Amino acid sequence: MKALILTAVLLGLAVCVLAQQSKPAQANQVHASGCVQQGVEAGCLLMKDTQSGKLYQLLIRGARPEAGMAIEMTGSPFRGITSCMQGQPVSVAKWSRSAVQQCSAGEATQRRSAHP
């Protein structure tokens, strides 16, 4: 009987721990939209979020948006070192072309200083 109660308590604690661990992952998600820009360093893509004004460095595996394209993206903060030295690095989980935002021709090649 004691073993059954102990098992139930441990199972309940495990469920609580898993539930708490999933919440911070959602809180760390980055949702942003803006115009993709070339970075100062070759191959670096940047995007200034139209709502917050934050400059993000986009780390994308696979197909990448072109500079000058308006996109919406979702990702998570990247905690490692990058060679771009601009903006907050974000590992982009998914991105899509924005249906509502347009970018000017100058935004594609606009270069930002190394300090966001």
N, C-alpha and C. Protein backbone atom coordinates (compact mmCIF):
# COMPACT_ATOMS: atom_id res chain seq x y z
N MET A 1 0.82 -1.20 0.00
CA MET A 1 0.00 0.00 0.00
C MET A 1 0.86 1.26 0.00
N LYS A 2 1.93 1.27 0.85
CA LYS A 2 2.82 2.43 0.90
C LYS A 2 3.51 2.63 -0.45
N ALA A 3 3.87 1.54 -1.11
CA ALA A 3 4.53 1.64 -2.40
C ALA A 3 3.59 2.26 -3.43
N LEU A 4 2.32 1.93 -3.38
CA LEU A 4 1.34 2.48 -4.32
C LEU A 4 1.17 3.98 -4.10
N ILE A 5 1.11 4.40 -2.85
CA ILE A 5 0.96 5.83 -2.54
C ILE A 5 2.23 6.58 -2.96
N LEU A 6 3.39 6.01 -2.68
CA LEU A 6 4.64 6.64 -3.07
C LEU A 6 4.75 6.78 -4.59
N THR A 7 4.33 5.76 -5.31
CA THR A 7 4.34 5.81 -6.77
C THR A 7 3.42 6.90 -7.29
N ALA A 8 2.24 7.02 -6.70
CA ALA A 8 1.28 8.05 -7.12
C ALA A 8 1.83 9.45 -6.86
N VAL A 9 2.47 9.64 -5.71
CA VAL A 9 3.03 10.95 -5.37
C VAL A 9 4.16 11.30 -6.34
N LEU A 10 5.06 10.34 -6.61
CA LEU A 10 6.16 10.58 -7.53
C LEU A 10 5.65 10.87 -8.94
N LEU A 11 4.62 10.16 -9.37
CA LEU A 11 4.04 10.41 -10.68
C LEU A 11 3.45 11.82 -10.75
N GLY A 12 2.78 12.24 -9.69
CA GLY A 12 2.21 13.59 -9.64
C GLY A 12 3.28 14.66 -9.69
N LEU A 13 4.38 14.46 -8.97
CA LEU A 13 5.49 15.41 -9.00
C LEU A 13 6.13 15.47 -10.38
N ALA A 14 6.27 14.34 -11.02
CA ALA A 14 6.85 14.31 -12.36
C ALA A 14 6.00 15.10 -13.34
N VAL A 15 4.70 14.97 -13.26
CA VAL A 15 3.78 15.71 -14.13
C VAL A 15 3.92 17.21 -13.89
N CYS A 16 4.02 17.61 -12.62
CA CYS A 16 4.16 19.04 -12.29
C CYS A 16 5.47 19.60 -12.84
N VAL A 17 6.56 18.85 -12.71
CA VAL A 17 7.86 19.30 -13.21
C VAL A 17 7.82 19.45 -14.73
N LEU A 18 7.23 18.49 -15.42
CA LEU A 18 7.15 18.57 -16.88
C LEU A 18 6.29 19.75 -17.32
N ALA A 19 5.23 20.02 -16.62
CA ALA A 19 4.35 21.15 -16.97
C ALA A 19 5.08 22.47 -16.79
N GLN A 20 5.88 22.60 -15.72
CA GLN A 20 6.62 23.83 -15.49
C GLN A 20 7.73 24.02 -16.52
N GLN A 21 8.35 22.94 -16.97
CA GLN A 21 9.42 23.04 -17.94
C GLN A 21 8.92 23.46 -19.31
N SER A 22 7.69 23.13 -19.66
CA SER A 22 7.17 23.49 -20.98
C SER A 22 6.78 24.96 -21.06
N LYS A 23 6.42 25.60 -19.96
CA LYS A 23 6.02 27.00 -19.98
C LYS A 23 7.16 27.94 -20.34
N PRO A 24 8.36 27.81 -19.75
CA PRO A 24 9.44 28.72 -20.15
C PRO A 24 9.82 28.61 -21.61
N ALA A 25 9.72 27.44 -22.18
CA ALA A 25 10.05 27.29 -23.60
C ALA A 25 9.12 28.14 -24.44
N GLN A 26 7.84 28.19 -24.08
CA GLN A 26 6.89 29.01 -24.82
C GLN A 26 7.15 30.49 -24.57
N ALA A 27 7.55 30.85 -23.35
CA ALA A 27 7.81 32.25 -23.03
C ALA A 27 9.04 32.76 -23.78
N ASN A 28 9.99 31.88 -24.09
CA ASN A 28 11.20 32.28 -24.79
C ASN A 28 11.01 32.38 -26.30
N GLN A 29 9.86 32.05 -26.81
CA GLN A 29 9.62 32.13 -28.24
C GLN A 29 9.68 33.58 -28.71
N VAL A 30 10.26 33.76 -29.87
CA VAL A 30 10.34 35.09 -30.49
C VAL A 30 9.40 35.09 -31.69
N HIS A 31 8.47 36.02 -31.70
CA HIS A 31 7.56 36.21 -32.84
C HIS A 31 7.81 37.63 -33.34
N ALA A 32 8.19 37.77 -34.59
CA ALA A 32 8.51 39.09 -35.11
C ALA A 32 8.22 39.16 -36.60
N SER A 33 8.10 40.38 -37.09
CA SER A 33 7.92 40.59 -38.53
C SER A 33 8.68 41.85 -38.92
N GLY A 34 9.16 41.85 -40.14
CA GLY A 34 9.92 43.00 -40.62
C GLY A 34 10.57 42.71 -41.95
N CYS A 35 11.47 43.57 -42.36
CA CYS A 35 12.15 43.44 -43.64
C CYS A 35 13.54 42.84 -43.44
N VAL A 36 13.84 41.83 -44.21
CA VAL A 36 15.14 41.16 -44.13
C VAL A 36 16.20 42.07 -44.76
N GLN A 37 17.34 42.16 -44.09
CA GLN A 37 18.45 42.99 -44.55
C GLN A 37 19.72 42.16 -44.55
N GLN A 38 20.67 42.53 -45.39
CA GLN A 38 21.98 41.93 -45.36
C GLN A 38 22.74 42.52 -44.18
N GLY A 39 23.51 41.68 -43.49
CA GLY A 39 24.35 42.15 -42.41
C GLY A 39 25.67 42.68 -42.95
N VAL A 40 26.47 43.23 -42.07
CA VAL A 40 27.79 43.73 -42.45
C VAL A 40 28.67 42.56 -42.88
N GLU A 41 28.59 41.46 -42.16
CA GLU A 41 29.38 40.27 -42.50
C GLU A 41 28.66 39.48 -43.59
N ALA A 42 29.41 38.88 -44.48
CA ALA A 42 28.84 38.10 -45.58
C ALA A 42 27.99 36.94 -45.05
N GLY A 43 26.82 36.77 -45.64
CA GLY A 43 25.93 35.67 -45.29
C GLY A 43 25.05 35.92 -44.08
N CYS A 44 25.19 37.06 -43.45
CA CYS A 44 24.38 37.36 -42.26
C CYS A 44 23.08 38.05 -42.68
N LEU A 45 21.98 37.56 -42.13
CA LEU A 45 20.67 38.17 -42.39
C LEU A 45 20.16 38.79 -41.11
N LEU A 46 19.62 40.00 -41.23
CA LEU A 46 19.07 40.74 -40.11
C LEU A 46 17.62 41.10 -40.39
N MET A 47 16.88 41.37 -39.32
CA MET A 47 15.52 41.86 -39.47
C MET A 47 15.19 42.71 -38.26
N LYS A 48 14.70 43.92 -38.51
CA LYS A 48 14.25 44.80 -37.44
C LYS A 48 12.74 44.60 -37.28
N ASP A 49 12.33 44.17 -36.09
CA ASP A 49 10.91 43.92 -35.83
C ASP A 49 10.14 45.24 -35.91
N THR A 50 9.07 45.25 -36.68
CA THR A 50 8.31 46.47 -36.88
C THR A 50 7.59 46.94 -35.62
N GLN A 51 7.26 46.03 -34.70
CA GLN A 51 6.54 46.44 -33.48
C GLN A 51 7.46 46.85 -32.35
N SER A 52 8.49 46.05 -32.08
CA SER A 52 9.36 46.33 -30.94
C SER A 52 10.59 47.17 -31.30
N GLY A 53 10.96 47.17 -32.58
CA GLY A 53 12.17 47.87 -33.00
C GLY A 53 13.45 47.09 -32.74
N LYS A 54 13.33 45.86 -32.20
CA LYS A 54 14.51 45.04 -31.93
C LYS A 54 15.12 44.54 -33.23
N LEU A 55 16.45 44.50 -33.25
CA LEU A 55 17.17 43.99 -34.40
C LEU A 55 17.53 42.53 -34.12
N TYR A 56 17.11 41.64 -35.01
CA TYR A 56 17.38 40.22 -34.87
C TYR A 56 18.32 39.74 -35.95
N GLN A 57 19.23 38.87 -35.57
CA GLN A 57 20.07 38.15 -36.52
C GLN A 57 19.36 36.83 -36.78
N LEU A 58 19.05 36.54 -38.02
CA LEU A 58 18.26 35.36 -38.37
C LEU A 58 19.18 34.17 -38.68
N LEU A 59 19.08 33.13 -37.87
CA LEU A 59 19.82 31.89 -38.09
C LEU A 59 18.84 30.89 -38.65
N ILE A 60 18.95 30.61 -39.94
CA ILE A 60 17.96 29.80 -40.65
C ILE A 60 18.64 28.63 -41.33
N ARG A 61 18.11 27.43 -41.10
CA ARG A 61 18.56 26.25 -41.84
C ARG A 61 17.60 26.04 -42.98
N GLY A 62 18.12 25.68 -44.11
CA GLY A 62 17.26 25.45 -45.26
C GLY A 62 17.06 26.72 -46.06
N ALA A 63 15.90 26.81 -46.70
CA ALA A 63 15.59 27.96 -47.56
C ALA A 63 15.61 29.25 -46.73
N ARG A 64 16.29 30.25 -47.26
CA ARG A 64 16.42 31.54 -46.58
C ARG A 64 15.69 32.63 -47.36
N PRO A 65 15.09 33.59 -46.66
CA PRO A 65 14.45 34.70 -47.38
C PRO A 65 15.51 35.59 -48.01
N GLU A 66 15.13 36.27 -49.04
CA GLU A 66 16.04 37.20 -49.72
C GLU A 66 16.03 38.55 -49.00
N ALA A 67 17.14 39.26 -49.07
CA ALA A 67 17.20 40.61 -48.53
C ALA A 67 16.15 41.46 -49.26
N GLY A 68 15.43 42.26 -48.51
CA GLY A 68 14.37 43.10 -49.06
C GLY A 68 13.00 42.48 -48.96
N MET A 69 12.92 41.23 -48.51
CA MET A 69 11.63 40.54 -48.39
C MET A 69 11.04 40.80 -47.00
N ALA A 70 9.75 41.09 -46.96
CA ALA A 70 9.04 41.23 -45.69
C ALA A 70 8.61 39.84 -45.23
N ILE A 71 8.98 39.50 -43.98
CA ILE A 71 8.64 38.18 -43.46
C ILE A 71 8.05 38.26 -42.06
N GLU A 72 7.43 37.18 -41.67
CA GLU A 72 7.01 36.93 -40.29
C GLU A 72 7.76 35.69 -39.87
N MET A 73 8.31 35.70 -38.64
CA MET A 73 9.09 34.55 -38.21
C MET A 73 8.81 34.20 -36.76
N THR A 74 9.06 32.94 -36.45
CA THR A 74 8.98 32.43 -35.09
C THR A 74 10.26 31.66 -34.83
N GLY A 75 10.84 31.86 -33.67
CA GLY A 75 12.06 31.16 -33.33
C GLY A 75 12.34 31.25 -31.84
N SER A 76 13.57 30.91 -31.49
CA SER A 76 13.98 30.98 -30.09
C SER A 76 15.36 31.63 -30.01
N PRO A 77 15.63 32.33 -28.89
CA PRO A 77 16.93 32.98 -28.75
C PRO A 77 18.07 31.97 -28.87
N PHE A 78 19.12 32.36 -29.57
CA PHE A 78 20.31 31.52 -29.73
C PHE A 78 21.33 31.97 -28.69
N ARG A 79 21.87 31.04 -27.94
CA ARG A 79 22.77 31.39 -26.83
C ARG A 79 24.25 31.21 -27.18
N GLY A 80 24.57 30.83 -28.39
CA GLY A 80 25.96 30.60 -28.77
C GLY A 80 26.61 31.82 -29.37
N ILE A 81 27.79 31.61 -29.92
CA ILE A 81 28.57 32.68 -30.56
C ILE A 81 28.32 32.65 -32.06
N THR A 82 28.20 33.81 -32.67
CA THR A 82 28.04 33.91 -34.11
C THR A 82 29.09 34.87 -34.67
N SER A 83 29.29 34.81 -35.95
CA SER A 83 30.28 35.70 -36.59
C SER A 83 29.66 37.01 -37.05
N CYS A 84 28.35 37.13 -36.96
CA CYS A 84 27.68 38.33 -37.49
C CYS A 84 27.84 39.56 -36.60
N MET A 85 27.86 39.40 -35.32
CA MET A 85 28.07 40.50 -34.37
C MET A 85 27.05 41.62 -34.51
N GLN A 86 25.86 41.31 -34.97
CA GLN A 86 24.79 42.32 -35.08
C GLN A 86 23.48 41.69 -34.62
N GLY A 87 22.71 42.44 -33.91
CA GLY A 87 21.39 42.00 -33.52
C GLY A 87 21.40 40.84 -32.54
N GLN A 88 20.22 40.51 -32.05
CA GLN A 88 20.03 39.37 -31.16
C GLN A 88 19.88 38.11 -32.02
N PRO A 89 20.77 37.13 -31.88
CA PRO A 89 20.66 35.92 -32.70
C PRO A 89 19.42 35.11 -32.34
N VAL A 90 18.69 34.68 -33.36
CA VAL A 90 17.48 33.88 -33.18
C VAL A 90 17.55 32.68 -34.11
N SER A 91 17.36 31.49 -33.52
CA SER A 91 17.23 30.27 -34.33
C SER A 91 15.81 30.24 -34.86
N VAL A 92 15.65 30.47 -36.14
CA VAL A 92 14.32 30.58 -36.74
C VAL A 92 13.75 29.18 -36.98
N ALA A 93 12.60 28.92 -36.35
CA ALA A 93 11.93 27.63 -36.52
C ALA A 93 11.10 27.63 -37.80
N LYS A 94 10.44 28.76 -38.07
CA LYS A 94 9.66 28.88 -39.31
C LYS A 94 9.53 30.35 -39.68
N TRP A 95 9.42 30.57 -40.97
CA TRP A 95 9.22 31.92 -41.48
C TRP A 95 8.33 31.84 -42.71
N SER A 96 7.67 32.95 -43.00
CA SER A 96 6.85 33.03 -44.20
C SER A 96 6.85 34.47 -44.69
N ARG A 97 6.61 34.62 -45.97
CA ARG A 97 6.51 35.96 -46.56
C ARG A 97 5.29 36.65 -45.96
N SER A 98 5.47 37.91 -45.60
CA SER A 98 4.38 38.69 -45.02
C SER A 98 3.40 39.10 -46.11
N ALA A 99 2.14 38.88 -45.84
CA ALA A 99 1.10 39.25 -46.80
C ALA A 99 0.69 40.72 -46.65
N VAL A 100 1.05 41.34 -45.53
CA VAL A 100 0.56 42.69 -45.26
C VAL A 100 1.64 43.76 -45.28
N GLN A 101 2.90 43.39 -45.19
CA GLN A 101 3.97 44.37 -45.12
C GLN A 101 4.77 44.40 -46.42
N GLN A 102 5.19 45.57 -46.80
CA GLN A 102 6.04 45.77 -47.98
C GLN A 102 7.35 46.41 -47.52
N CYS A 103 8.44 46.10 -48.20
CA CYS A 103 9.75 46.68 -47.88
C CYS A 103 10.18 47.62 -48.99
N SER A 104 10.89 48.67 -48.60
CA SER A 104 11.43 49.59 -49.60
C SER A 104 12.72 49.00 -50.16
N ALA A 105 13.15 49.45 -51.31
CA ALA A 105 14.36 48.94 -51.94
C ALA A 105 15.58 49.19 -51.07
N GLY A 106 15.62 50.29 -50.36
CA GLY A 106 16.77 50.62 -49.51
C GLY A 106 16.93 49.73 -48.30
N GLU A 107 15.84 49.08 -47.87
CA GLU A 107 15.91 48.24 -46.68
C GLU A 107 16.68 46.95 -46.94
N ALA A 108 16.80 46.53 -48.17
CA ALA A 108 17.50 45.28 -48.47
C ALA A 108 18.99 45.39 -48.24
N THR A 109 19.56 46.53 -48.51
CA THR A 109 21.01 46.67 -48.42
C THR A 109 21.43 47.60 -47.30
N GLN A 110 20.49 48.07 -46.50
CA GLN A 110 20.81 48.97 -45.41
C GLN A 110 21.69 48.24 -44.41
N ARG A 111 22.81 48.81 -44.08
CA ARG A 111 23.75 48.16 -43.15
C ARG A 111 23.66 48.86 -41.80
N ARG A 112 23.64 48.04 -40.78
CA ARG A 112 23.54 48.56 -39.41
C ARG A 112 24.91 48.51 -38.75
N SER A 113 25.08 49.34 -37.75
CA SER A 113 26.33 49.28 -36.98
C SER A 113 26.36 47.99 -36.17
N ALA A 114 27.50 47.64 -35.66
CA ALA A 114 27.65 46.39 -34.90
C ALA A 114 26.93 46.45 -33.57
N HIS A 115 26.51 47.61 -33.14
CA HIS A 115 25.82 47.75 -31.85
C HIS A 115 24.33 47.97 -32.12
N PRO A 116 23.47 46.98 -31.72
CA PRO A 116 22.03 47.10 -31.97
C PRO A 116 21.36 48.21 -31.22
